[in-house]
């Protein structure tokens, strides 16, 4: 009896994986991005979008989506599968997406304070906070940073993306970040209007 239950569980898991892949493929044409490590055979799957300058990343583990600029031609999945590191080798820009279980129940204020503290308490050029989200941005000489995070209190998780880019390309990345902000759909978060107005 126990063995039959195990077979049924494996069969159900297989059906769920196929259904998830099918739903992902049905949404748009699937393409792959190679790793930044030339020795790696791993790839990251993304979807083509109507906008030829972007593709869409979908994280099945946490159920969030975001558009990534096509100039990011290298991608690596995070070790625990909660997101990806996308790289634009020409600009030396890095886009990071991730999600995490909020087992300790951190509030937006606590997560905000941790992010600011971990980054050396920089002088923020963007500092926007709502009851379930925040955006911070700053510049450190030749490199600029942008970070956006949403808390999902219902499933006790949070989802974020960040962009690190050359300061001398600020105008270019302001447009990219504004597009990413509009496309970002964190799973289960009730959006209180978009945060990003005039980055």
Protein backbone atom coordinates (compact mmCIF):
# COMPACT_ATOMS: atom_id res chain seq x y z
CA UNK A 1 0.00 0.00 0.00
CA UNK A 2 2.80 2.40 0.94
CA UNK A 3 4.59 1.74 -2.39
CA UNK A 4 1.39 2.49 -4.34
CA UNK A 5 0.97 5.81 -2.54
CA UNK A 6 4.58 6.66 -3.38
CA UNK A 7 3.95 5.86 -7.07
CA UNK A 8 0.81 8.01 -7.06
CA UNK A 9 2.72 10.90 -5.45
CA UNK A 10 5.49 10.62 -8.07
CA UNK A 11 2.90 10.49 -10.87
CA UNK A 12 1.11 13.58 -9.52
CA UNK A 13 4.40 15.44 -9.20
CA UNK A 14 5.27 14.56 -12.81
CA UNK A 15 1.87 15.82 -14.02
CA UNK A 16 2.33 19.06 -12.04
CA UNK A 17 5.79 19.60 -13.56
CA UNK A 18 4.51 18.98 -17.10
CA UNK A 19 1.51 21.27 -16.50
CA UNK A 20 3.78 24.00 -15.13
CA UNK A 21 6.15 23.74 -18.11
CA UNK A 22 3.22 23.69 -20.54
CA UNK A 23 1.65 26.77 -18.96
CA UNK A 24 5.02 28.52 -19.07
CA UNK A 25 5.51 27.65 -22.76
CA UNK A 26 1.93 28.61 -23.65
CA UNK A 27 2.44 32.14 -22.35
CA UNK A 28 5.12 32.90 -24.94
CA UNK A 29 7.96 31.38 -26.88
CA UNK A 30 10.60 29.90 -24.57
CA UNK A 31 14.23 30.81 -25.13
CA UNK A 32 17.37 30.08 -23.12
CA UNK A 33 20.20 32.22 -21.81
CA UNK A 34 23.62 30.70 -21.23
CA UNK A 35 25.55 30.86 -17.99
CA UNK A 36 28.22 33.47 -17.32
CA UNK A 37 30.53 30.51 -16.67
CA UNK A 38 31.77 29.35 -20.09
CA UNK A 39 32.38 25.83 -18.70
CA UNK A 40 28.77 25.45 -17.53
CA UNK A 41 26.08 23.76 -19.61
CA UNK A 42 23.28 25.18 -17.45
CA UNK A 43 20.83 27.60 -19.02
CA UNK A 44 18.02 29.82 -17.74
CA UNK A 45 14.67 29.65 -19.51
CA UNK A 46 12.89 32.93 -20.28
CA UNK A 47 9.92 33.93 -22.43
CA UNK A 48 9.89 36.22 -25.42
CA UNK A 49 7.74 39.32 -24.92
CA UNK A 50 6.03 41.71 -27.31
CA UNK A 51 8.72 44.26 -26.54
CA UNK A 52 11.78 43.15 -28.54
CA UNK A 53 14.10 44.81 -26.00
CA UNK A 54 13.02 42.56 -23.10
CA UNK A 55 12.31 38.97 -22.22
CA UNK A 56 10.34 37.72 -19.22
CA UNK A 57 11.74 35.70 -16.34
CA UNK A 58 9.30 33.53 -14.40
CA UNK A 59 10.25 31.90 -11.11
CA UNK A 60 8.12 28.78 -10.62
CA UNK A 61 9.22 28.25 -7.01
CA UNK A 62 7.75 31.56 -5.81
CA UNK A 63 5.50 32.44 -8.77
CA UNK A 64 6.84 35.89 -9.65
CA UNK A 65 7.62 37.42 -13.05
CA UNK A 66 9.70 40.32 -14.27
CA UNK A 67 10.97 41.62 -17.61
CA UNK A 68 14.74 41.58 -18.10
CA UNK A 69 16.53 43.63 -20.78
CA UNK A 70 17.83 41.50 -23.65
CA UNK A 71 21.23 43.13 -23.25
CA UNK A 72 21.59 40.78 -20.25
CA UNK A 73 22.96 37.89 -22.31
CA UNK A 74 24.23 35.76 -19.42
CA UNK A 75 22.20 34.26 -16.57
CA UNK A 76 22.77 31.96 -13.63
CA UNK A 77 20.13 30.45 -11.35
CA UNK A 78 20.65 31.02 -7.64
CA UNK A 79 21.75 27.98 -5.64
CA UNK A 80 18.36 27.47 -3.99
CA UNK A 81 16.31 28.30 -7.11
CA UNK A 82 14.62 31.41 -5.71
CA UNK A 83 15.89 33.68 -8.50
CA UNK A 84 18.58 34.51 -11.03
CA UNK A 85 21.61 36.65 -11.68
CA UNK A 86 21.41 38.27 -15.13
CA UNK A 87 24.50 39.97 -16.51
CA UNK A 88 25.08 42.49 -19.26
CA UNK A 89 28.78 41.85 -19.99
CA UNK A 90 29.09 44.94 -22.18
CA UNK A 91 27.87 47.39 -19.51
CA UNK A 92 29.04 45.20 -16.61
CA UNK A 93 25.54 45.52 -15.18
CA UNK A 94 24.00 42.85 -12.95
CA UNK A 95 20.29 42.29 -12.38
CA UNK A 96 19.38 40.08 -9.45
CA UNK A 97 15.96 38.59 -8.74
CA UNK A 98 15.11 36.61 -5.63
CA UNK A 99 12.43 35.59 -3.18
CA UNK A 100 12.56 34.12 0.31
CA UNK A 101 10.34 32.74 3.01
CA UNK A 102 9.88 35.31 5.74
CA UNK A 103 9.93 32.78 8.57
CA UNK A 104 10.99 35.38 11.14
CA UNK A 105 8.09 37.63 10.11
CA UNK A 106 10.21 40.68 9.31
CA UNK A 107 8.25 43.84 8.61
CA UNK A 108 8.94 46.13 5.65
CA UNK A 109 10.71 48.53 8.03
CA UNK A 110 12.95 45.77 9.39
CA UNK A 111 13.86 44.48 5.91
CA UNK A 112 14.48 48.05 4.74
CA UNK A 113 16.79 48.74 7.70
CA UNK A 114 18.70 45.49 7.10
CA UNK A 115 19.20 46.31 3.40
CA UNK A 116 20.38 49.84 4.11
CA UNK A 117 22.67 48.62 6.91
CA UNK A 118 24.15 45.76 4.87
CA UNK A 119 25.05 48.26 2.16
CA UNK A 120 26.92 50.56 4.52
CA UNK A 121 24.08 53.03 5.14
CA UNK A 122 24.63 54.95 1.88
CA UNK A 123 23.13 58.35 1.12
CA UNK A 124 19.97 57.27 -0.70
CA UNK A 125 19.01 58.94 -3.98
CA UNK A 126 15.65 57.14 -3.97
CA UNK A 127 13.87 56.28 -0.73
CA UNK A 128 10.23 55.20 -1.12
CA UNK A 129 8.29 53.01 1.29
CA UNK A 130 4.70 51.71 1.49
CA UNK A 131 3.18 49.33 4.04
CA UNK A 132 4.29 46.27 2.01
CA UNK A 133 7.16 47.49 -0.18
CA UNK A 134 10.13 49.76 -0.60
CA UNK A 135 12.60 51.08 -3.16
CA UNK A 136 16.07 52.29 -2.34
CA UNK A 137 18.76 53.54 -4.71
CA UNK A 138 22.18 55.10 -4.28
CA UNK A 139 25.41 55.86 -6.08
CA UNK A 140 28.92 54.95 -5.00
CA UNK A 141 31.25 56.68 -7.44
CA UNK A 142 31.27 54.83 -10.75
CA UNK A 143 28.61 52.29 -9.70
CA UNK A 144 24.91 52.87 -8.98
CA UNK A 145 22.45 50.57 -7.21
CA UNK A 146 18.69 50.11 -7.25
CA UNK A 147 16.69 47.72 -5.04
CA UNK A 148 12.93 47.05 -4.90
CA UNK A 149 11.25 44.63 -2.46
CA UNK A 150 7.66 43.48 -1.78
CA UNK A 151 6.44 41.60 1.31
CA UNK A 152 3.64 39.04 1.00
CA UNK A 153 2.24 38.79 4.54
CA UNK A 154 -0.27 36.11 3.53
CA UNK A 155 2.28 33.46 2.53
CA UNK A 156 5.08 34.91 4.67
CA UNK A 157 7.54 35.62 1.89
CA UNK A 158 9.18 38.53 0.13
CA UNK A 159 10.25 39.08 -3.46
CA UNK A 160 12.81 41.54 -4.78
CA UNK A 161 14.95 42.65 -7.66
CA UNK A 162 18.03 44.82 -7.82
CA UNK A 163 20.13 46.40 -10.53
CA UNK A 164 23.82 47.32 -10.30
CA UNK A 165 25.03 49.42 -13.23
CA UNK A 166 27.68 51.98 -14.28
CA UNK A 167 26.79 55.46 -13.01
CA UNK A 168 27.68 57.00 -16.38
CA UNK A 169 24.79 54.98 -17.92
CA UNK A 170 22.18 56.34 -15.50
CA UNK A 171 19.82 57.63 -18.22
CA UNK A 172 19.83 54.24 -19.98
CA UNK A 173 19.21 52.32 -16.75
CA UNK A 174 16.53 54.74 -15.54
CA UNK A 175 14.45 53.60 -18.56
CA UNK A 176 15.30 49.93 -17.99
CA UNK A 177 14.46 50.11 -14.27
CA UNK A 178 11.16 51.92 -14.95
CA UNK A 179 10.20 49.13 -17.40
CA UNK A 180 11.22 46.42 -14.93
CA UNK A 181 9.22 48.10 -12.16
CA UNK A 182 6.09 48.17 -14.35
CA UNK A 183 6.54 44.51 -15.34
CA UNK A 184 7.35 43.16 -11.87
CA UNK A 185 4.59 40.91 -10.51
CA UNK A 186 5.50 39.53 -7.08
CA UNK A 187 3.36 36.52 -6.21
CA UNK A 188 0.44 37.19 -3.89
CA UNK A 189 1.26 40.83 -3.18
CA UNK A 190 -1.58 43.33 -3.35
CA UNK A 191 -0.04 46.18 -5.27
CA UNK A 192 -0.77 49.59 -3.77
CA UNK A 193 -0.06 51.39 -7.02
CA UNK A 194 3.35 51.25 -8.58
CA UNK A 195 6.13 52.62 -6.44
CA UNK A 196 8.25 53.90 -9.26
CA UNK A 197 7.23 57.35 -10.47
CA UNK A 198 10.27 59.36 -11.38
CA UNK A 199 13.49 57.48 -10.78
